[in-house]
């Protein structure tokens, strides 16, 4: 396993595992420091009458992530190793209540920003995204934007005015009295978005880019969104059910239609190459449905994000 991670048998073929550094190690300022946070909770999916199992997703993803690469990409002539270092901060602890886990998650994200790092959060069910947003918004203290690549609108009310679930994070952001930014839904699939939810988010001023409106050239449409939100810190939030089910068999809520794996990877690269994108999260992978192919795709999504960030950094050095 070591050879697949750090190139011990082939030093010209380093994998993403070679980027990982202990938290206490003093990383030189020339590197972009990425903090990997695991949120191994699926309570939000179960509350929304979904299946358990997403709690196993972060561990499954990291296992695959370590051997993903090569770090030197010959197509783009870029060496990720020259630009990025990753600290794996581990998991929000279990077992505690979902509400307490959410609080810890927001606090940790704020602390990560305080230390000049870029957080990537691995869920877990989709409810994590509102708490990720809170840590993000607390740090930047000004107008921010959220780009949510998602097959659903995730704008359902919380349960009993108290309990968040995997269908409520965008509702919670929009209802947050301190939210003063913009929210974009990208790739939403109209056959699984109730009219009441669509009316709600549109009345709130949300930009919905429906799947059938963007499927001709998803990357072009995504780049236009990045240009539109040109002066604000961006939270890039991904629910893997935006991808067609044949490419994410480990997602319970994926549809036969959706973004191709290729389109999703190009979008992740574009997000990484945009310096205003300050945070990424990934949700709704459930390894009890399928693990190998889906963890491979999510690992490649992170690889492409880091590749994009490296391309940006190589042009600014």
Protein backbone atom coordinates (compact mmCIF):
# COMPACT_ATOMS: atom_id res chain seq x y z
CA UNK A 1 0.00 0.00 0.00
CA UNK A 2 2.86 2.38 0.80
CA UNK A 3 4.12 2.21 -2.77
CA UNK A 4 0.74 3.21 -4.16
CA UNK A 5 0.58 6.18 -1.80
CA UNK A 6 4.03 7.72 -1.78
CA UNK A 7 5.84 6.31 -4.79
CA UNK A 8 8.31 4.27 -2.72
CA UNK A 9 8.88 1.95 -5.68
CA UNK A 10 8.41 4.64 -8.33
CA UNK A 11 9.16 8.15 -7.08
CA UNK A 12 7.88 9.65 -10.35
CA UNK A 13 4.40 8.20 -9.72
CA UNK A 14 3.27 9.74 -6.44
CA UNK A 15 -0.37 9.35 -5.37
CA UNK A 16 -2.56 11.69 -3.34
CA UNK A 17 -1.44 9.94 -0.17
CA UNK A 18 1.94 11.61 -0.62
CA UNK A 19 0.31 14.98 0.08
CA UNK A 20 -0.91 13.97 3.54
CA UNK A 21 0.94 15.52 6.47
CA UNK A 22 0.50 15.22 10.24
CA UNK A 23 -1.52 18.04 11.75
CA UNK A 24 1.38 19.17 13.95
CA UNK A 25 3.86 19.36 11.08
CA UNK A 26 4.88 22.90 10.16
CA UNK A 27 3.91 23.19 6.49
CA UNK A 28 5.79 25.80 4.47
CA UNK A 29 3.73 28.83 3.49
CA UNK A 30 4.38 28.24 -0.21
CA UNK A 31 1.90 25.36 -0.17
CA UNK A 32 -1.88 25.56 -0.33
CA UNK A 33 -2.94 23.79 2.87
CA UNK A 34 -6.06 21.66 2.53
CA UNK A 35 -7.89 20.32 5.59
CA UNK A 36 -9.81 17.09 5.10
CA UNK A 37 -12.71 16.71 7.54
CA UNK A 38 -14.91 13.62 7.83
CA UNK A 39 -18.54 13.84 8.90
CA UNK A 40 -19.58 10.19 9.41
CA UNK A 41 -23.26 10.76 10.14
CA UNK A 42 -26.29 9.46 8.26
CA UNK A 43 -28.97 10.45 10.79
CA UNK A 44 -30.19 13.18 8.45
CA UNK A 45 -30.91 10.65 5.72
CA UNK A 46 -32.72 8.32 8.11
CA UNK A 47 -34.84 11.22 9.43
CA UNK A 48 -35.91 11.91 5.84
CA UNK A 49 -36.99 8.26 5.39
CA UNK A 50 -33.82 7.30 3.58
CA UNK A 51 -31.41 4.46 4.25
CA UNK A 52 -28.62 4.31 6.79
CA UNK A 53 -25.05 3.68 5.64
CA UNK A 54 -23.73 7.08 4.52
CA UNK A 55 -21.84 7.25 7.82
CA UNK A 56 -19.37 4.80 6.28
CA UNK A 57 -18.68 7.03 3.27
CA UNK A 58 -15.79 9.18 4.56
CA UNK A 59 -13.66 6.17 5.51
CA UNK A 60 -14.40 4.44 2.20
CA UNK A 61 -13.50 7.59 0.28
CA UNK A 62 -10.24 8.27 2.11
CA UNK A 63 -9.12 4.66 1.61
CA UNK A 64 -9.48 5.15 -2.15
CA UNK A 65 -8.23 8.73 -2.11
CA UNK A 66 -4.80 7.76 -0.78
CA UNK A 67 -3.98 5.72 -3.88
CA UNK A 68 -5.54 8.10 -6.43
CA UNK A 69 -3.24 9.89 -8.83
CA UNK A 70 -0.58 10.33 -10.31
CA UNK A 71 0.32 13.71 -8.77
CA UNK A 72 2.28 14.80 -11.82
CA UNK A 73 -0.36 15.18 -14.52
CA UNK A 74 1.33 14.93 -17.94
CA UNK A 75 -1.72 16.20 -19.85
CA UNK A 76 -1.72 19.52 -17.98
CA UNK A 77 2.04 19.48 -17.27
CA UNK A 78 1.42 20.25 -13.61
CA UNK A 79 2.77 18.67 -10.44
CA UNK A 80 0.20 18.81 -7.62
CA UNK A 81 2.95 17.87 -5.16
CA UNK A 82 4.67 21.23 -5.74
CA UNK A 83 1.60 23.18 -4.66
CA UNK A 84 -0.63 21.26 -2.21
CA UNK A 85 -0.38 19.65 1.21
CA UNK A 86 -3.27 17.91 2.98
CA UNK A 87 -3.95 17.55 6.70
CA UNK A 88 -6.45 14.84 7.52
CA UNK A 89 -8.22 16.21 10.60
CA UNK A 90 -10.17 13.00 11.10
CA UNK A 91 -13.82 12.59 11.97
CA UNK A 92 -16.33 14.52 14.02
CA UNK A 93 -16.60 12.08 16.96
CA UNK A 94 -19.33 9.51 17.41
CA UNK A 95 -21.61 8.67 19.05
CA UNK A 96 -23.17 12.01 19.91
CA UNK A 97 -26.42 13.58 18.79
CA UNK A 98 -26.61 14.91 15.26
CA UNK A 99 -27.25 18.40 16.64
CA UNK A 100 -24.09 18.29 18.77
CA UNK A 101 -22.11 16.90 15.83
CA UNK A 102 -23.35 19.79 13.70
CA UNK A 103 -22.12 22.29 16.29
CA UNK A 104 -18.67 20.71 16.39
CA UNK A 105 -18.51 20.67 12.60
CA UNK A 106 -19.20 24.41 12.30
CA UNK A 107 -16.62 25.19 14.97
CA UNK A 108 -13.96 23.06 13.29
CA UNK A 109 -14.51 24.66 9.89
CA UNK A 110 -14.15 28.14 11.39
CA UNK A 111 -10.90 27.05 13.06
CA UNK A 112 -9.61 25.62 9.78
CA UNK A 113 -10.14 28.99 8.10
CA UNK A 114 -8.43 30.71 11.04
CA UNK A 115 -5.35 28.59 10.28
CA UNK A 116 -5.34 29.59 6.62
CA UNK A 117 -6.50 26.24 5.28
CA UNK A 118 -9.03 25.20 2.63
CA UNK A 119 -11.57 22.73 4.03
CA UNK A 120 -12.90 19.74 2.10
CA UNK A 121 -15.65 17.98 4.05
CA UNK A 122 -16.68 14.41 3.35
CA UNK A 123 -20.18 13.32 4.38
CA UNK A 124 -22.23 11.66 5.41
CA UNK A 125 -25.71 12.82 4.65
CA UNK A 126 -26.54 16.15 3.10
CA UNK A 127 -27.59 17.89 6.34
CA UNK A 128 -23.90 18.68 6.95
CA UNK A 129 -23.96 21.47 4.35
CA UNK A 130 -25.81 24.07 6.41
CA UNK A 131 -23.38 23.63 9.28
CA UNK A 132 -20.47 23.84 6.82
CA UNK A 133 -21.96 27.09 5.56
CA UNK A 134 -22.19 28.51 9.11
CA UNK A 135 -18.46 28.01 9.72
CA UNK A 136 -17.71 29.51 6.30
CA UNK A 137 -19.97 32.55 6.80
CA UNK A 138 -18.72 33.20 10.34
CA UNK A 139 -15.16 33.46 9.12
CA UNK A 140 -15.73 35.68 6.08
CA UNK A 141 -18.22 38.01 7.78
CA UNK A 142 -19.42 39.44 4.48
CA UNK A 143 -21.51 38.64 1.46
CA UNK A 144 -20.86 35.09 0.34
CA UNK A 145 -22.22 32.78 -2.33
CA UNK A 146 -23.11 29.10 -2.40
CA UNK A 147 -22.95 27.03 -5.58
CA UNK A 148 -24.76 23.77 -4.94
CA UNK A 149 -24.41 21.02 -7.57
CA UNK A 150 -27.37 18.83 -6.72
CA UNK A 151 -30.13 16.82 -8.37
CA UNK A 152 -32.62 18.04 -5.75
CA UNK A 153 -33.49 21.46 -4.33
CA UNK A 154 -32.97 20.38 -0.68
CA UNK A 155 -35.37 23.09 0.45
CA UNK A 156 -37.74 21.11 2.65
CA UNK A 157 -38.64 22.42 6.05
CA UNK A 158 -36.90 21.02 9.11
CA UNK A 159 -38.81 18.49 11.19
CA UNK A 160 -40.79 19.88 14.11
CA UNK A 161 -39.02 23.24 13.75
CA UNK A 162 -35.96 21.62 15.29
CA UNK A 163 -34.50 18.60 13.49
CA UNK A 164 -32.43 19.05 10.34
CA UNK A 165 -32.30 16.32 7.72
CA UNK A 166 -30.72 15.68 4.33
CA UNK A 167 -33.52 17.52 2.51
CA UNK A 168 -33.29 20.74 4.53
CA UNK A 169 -29.82 22.39 4.21
CA UNK A 170 -30.70 24.93 1.52
CA UNK A 171 -33.92 25.81 3.36
CA UNK A 172 -31.86 26.42 6.50
CA UNK A 173 -29.41 28.66 4.63
CA UNK A 174 -32.20 30.68 3.04
CA UNK A 175 -34.03 31.07 6.36
CA UNK A 176 -30.90 32.03 8.28
CA UNK A 177 -31.42 35.67 9.32
CA UNK A 178 -27.73 36.40 8.73
CA UNK A 179 -27.66 35.03 5.17
CA UNK A 180 -26.96 37.97 2.86
CA UNK A 181 -25.48 36.29 -0.17
CA UNK A 182 -26.47 34.33 -3.23
CA UNK A 183 -27.38 30.70 -3.70
CA UNK A 184 -27.29 28.80 -6.97
CA UNK A 185 -28.71 25.34 -7.63
CA UNK A 186 -26.89 23.64 -10.49
CA UNK A 187 -28.11 20.49 -12.24
CA UNK A 188 -31.42 20.20 -10.39
CA UNK A 189 -33.66 17.59 -11.99
CA UNK A 190 -37.21 18.89 -12.36
CA UNK A 191 -38.82 15.44 -12.24
CA UNK A 192 -37.85 15.14 -8.57
CA UNK A 193 -38.33 18.75 -7.41
CA UNK A 194 -41.87 19.48 -6.11
CA UNK A 195 -43.45 22.68 -7.40
CA UNK A 196 -43.87 24.07 -3.88
CA UNK A 197 -40.13 23.72 -3.27
CA UNK A 198 -39.27 25.26 -6.63
CA UNK A 199 -41.61 28.19 -5.98
CA UNK A 200 -40.08 28.68 -2.53
CA UNK A 201 -36.45 28.86 -3.68
CA UNK A 202 -37.26 31.01 -6.70
CA UNK A 203 -39.21 33.43 -4.52
CA UNK A 204 -36.08 33.62 -2.35
CA UNK A 205 -34.08 34.72 -5.38
CA UNK A 206 -32.21 31.43 -5.90
CA UNK A 207 -30.78 30.86 -9.37
CA UNK A 208 -31.88 27.40 -10.55
CA UNK A 209 -29.93 25.93 -13.44
CA UNK A 210 -32.11 22.95 -14.34
CA UNK A 211 -30.39 19.85 -15.66
CA UNK A 212 -32.05 20.00 -19.07
CA UNK A 213 -30.95 23.63 -19.42
CA UNK A 214 -27.28 22.88 -18.81
CA UNK A 215 -26.82 19.31 -20.06
CA UNK A 216 -25.59 20.47 -23.50
CA UNK A 217 -22.41 21.95 -21.97
CA UNK A 218 -22.35 21.83 -18.13
CA UNK A 219 -18.84 23.26 -17.84
CA UNK A 220 -19.66 26.33 -19.92
CA UNK A 221 -22.71 27.07 -17.76
CA UNK A 222 -20.73 26.46 -14.55
CA UNK A 223 -17.99 28.85 -15.64
CA UNK A 224 -20.61 31.53 -16.29
CA UNK A 225 -21.79 31.14 -12.69
CA UNK A 226 -18.23 31.58 -11.43
CA UNK A 227 -18.03 34.78 -13.48
CA UNK A 228 -21.38 36.01 -12.17
CA UNK A 229 -20.25 35.61 -8.55
CA UNK A 230 -16.93 37.24 -9.30
CA UNK A 231 -16.29 39.20 -6.09
CA UNK A 232 -17.49 36.91 -3.31
CA UNK A 233 -16.08 33.97 -1.35
CA UNK A 234 -17.68 30.81 -2.72
CA UNK A 235 -18.79 27.58 -1.04
CA UNK A 236 -18.76 24.75 -3.61
CA UNK A 237 -21.19 22.13 -2.32
CA UNK A 238 -21.72 18.83 -4.14
CA UNK A 239 -24.41 16.22 -3.66
CA UNK A 240 -23.42 13.21 -5.72
CA UNK A 241 -27.04 12.61 -6.74
CA UNK A 242 -26.43 15.31 -9.37
CA UNK A 243 -24.52 12.59 -11.24
CA UNK A 244 -26.41 9.93 -13.19
CA UNK A 245 -26.97 6.71 -11.29
CA UNK A 246 -24.86 4.58 -13.64
CA UNK A 247 -21.81 6.61 -12.58
CA UNK A 248 -22.66 6.79 -8.84
CA UNK A 249 -24.25 3.42 -7.98
CA UNK A 250 -23.46 4.13 -4.32
CA UNK A 251 -25.97 6.99 -4.12
CA UNK A 252 -29.48 6.01 -3.08
CA UNK A 253 -31.13 9.12 -4.50
CA UNK A 254 -29.38 9.28 -7.89
CA UNK A 255 -31.52 9.25 -11.04
CA UNK A 256 -31.00 7.55 -14.43
CA UNK A 257 -30.31 11.04 -15.79
CA UNK A 258 -27.81 13.55 -14.49
CA UNK A 259 -24.33 14.88 -15.04
CA UNK A 260 -21.86 12.42 -16.47
CA UNK A 261 -18.80 11.54 -14.42
CA UNK A 262 -16.71 13.40 -17.00
CA UNK A 263 -18.79 16.58 -16.64
CA UNK A 264 -18.64 16.40 -12.84
CA UNK A 265 -14.85 16.08 -12.90
CA UNK A 266 -14.47 19.08 -15.21
CA UNK A 267 -16.69 21.12 -12.88
CA UNK A 268 -14.56 20.15 -9.87
CA UNK A 269 -11.42 21.17 -11.74
CA UNK A 270 -12.97 24.53 -12.63
CA UNK A 271 -14.01 25.07 -9.01
CA UNK A 272 -10.50 24.32 -7.81
CA UNK A 273 -9.01 26.70 -10.35
CA UNK A 274 -11.19 29.54 -9.05
CA UNK A 275 -9.42 31.28 -6.12
CA UNK A 276 -12.74 32.55 -4.76
CA UNK A 277 -13.82 28.96 -4.03
CA UNK A 278 -12.84 28.63 -0.39
CA UNK A 279 -14.52 25.36 0.62
CA UNK A 280 -15.87 22.13 -0.87
CA UNK A 281 -18.14 19.47 0.56
CA UNK A 282 -19.40 16.14 -0.82
CA UNK A 283 -22.53 14.35 0.42
CA UNK A 284 -24.88 11.39 -0.05
CA UNK A 285 -22.49 8.54 -0.87
CA UNK A 286 -23.74 5.34 0.77
CA UNK A 287 -21.21 2.48 0.56
CA UNK A 288 -23.82 -0.09 1.62
CA UNK A 289 -25.35 0.34 -1.84
CA UNK A 290 -22.01 0.22 -3.68
CA UNK A 291 -18.54 1.32 -2.67
CA UNK A 292 -15.72 0.80 -5.17
CA UNK A 293 -16.91 2.77 -8.21
CA UNK A 294 -18.49 5.60 -6.24
CA UNK A 295 -15.53 6.11 -3.92
CA UNK A 296 -13.33 6.14 -7.01
CA UNK A 297 -15.40 8.91 -8.58
CA UNK A 298 -15.43 11.03 -5.41
CA UNK A 299 -11.67 10.56 -5.05
CA UNK A 300 -11.25 11.75 -8.63
CA UNK A 301 -13.50 14.74 -7.89
CA UNK A 302 -11.14 15.74 -5.09
CA UNK A 303 -8.13 15.04 -7.31
CA UNK A 304 -9.55 17.32 -10.02
CA UNK A 305 -10.29 20.05 -7.47
CA UNK A 306 -6.68 19.90 -6.27
CA UNK A 307 -5.45 19.78 -9.87
CA UNK A 308 -7.43 22.93 -10.62
CA UNK A 309 -6.04 24.67 -7.54
CA UNK A 310 -2.52 23.68 -8.61
CA UNK A 311 -3.11 25.06 -12.11
CA UNK A 312 -4.21 28.35 -10.57
CA UNK A 313 -1.23 28.47 -8.20
CA UNK A 314 1.25 27.65 -10.96
CA UNK A 315 0.06 30.73 -12.84
CA UNK A 316 0.37 33.03 -9.83
CA UNK A 317 3.80 32.03 -8.53
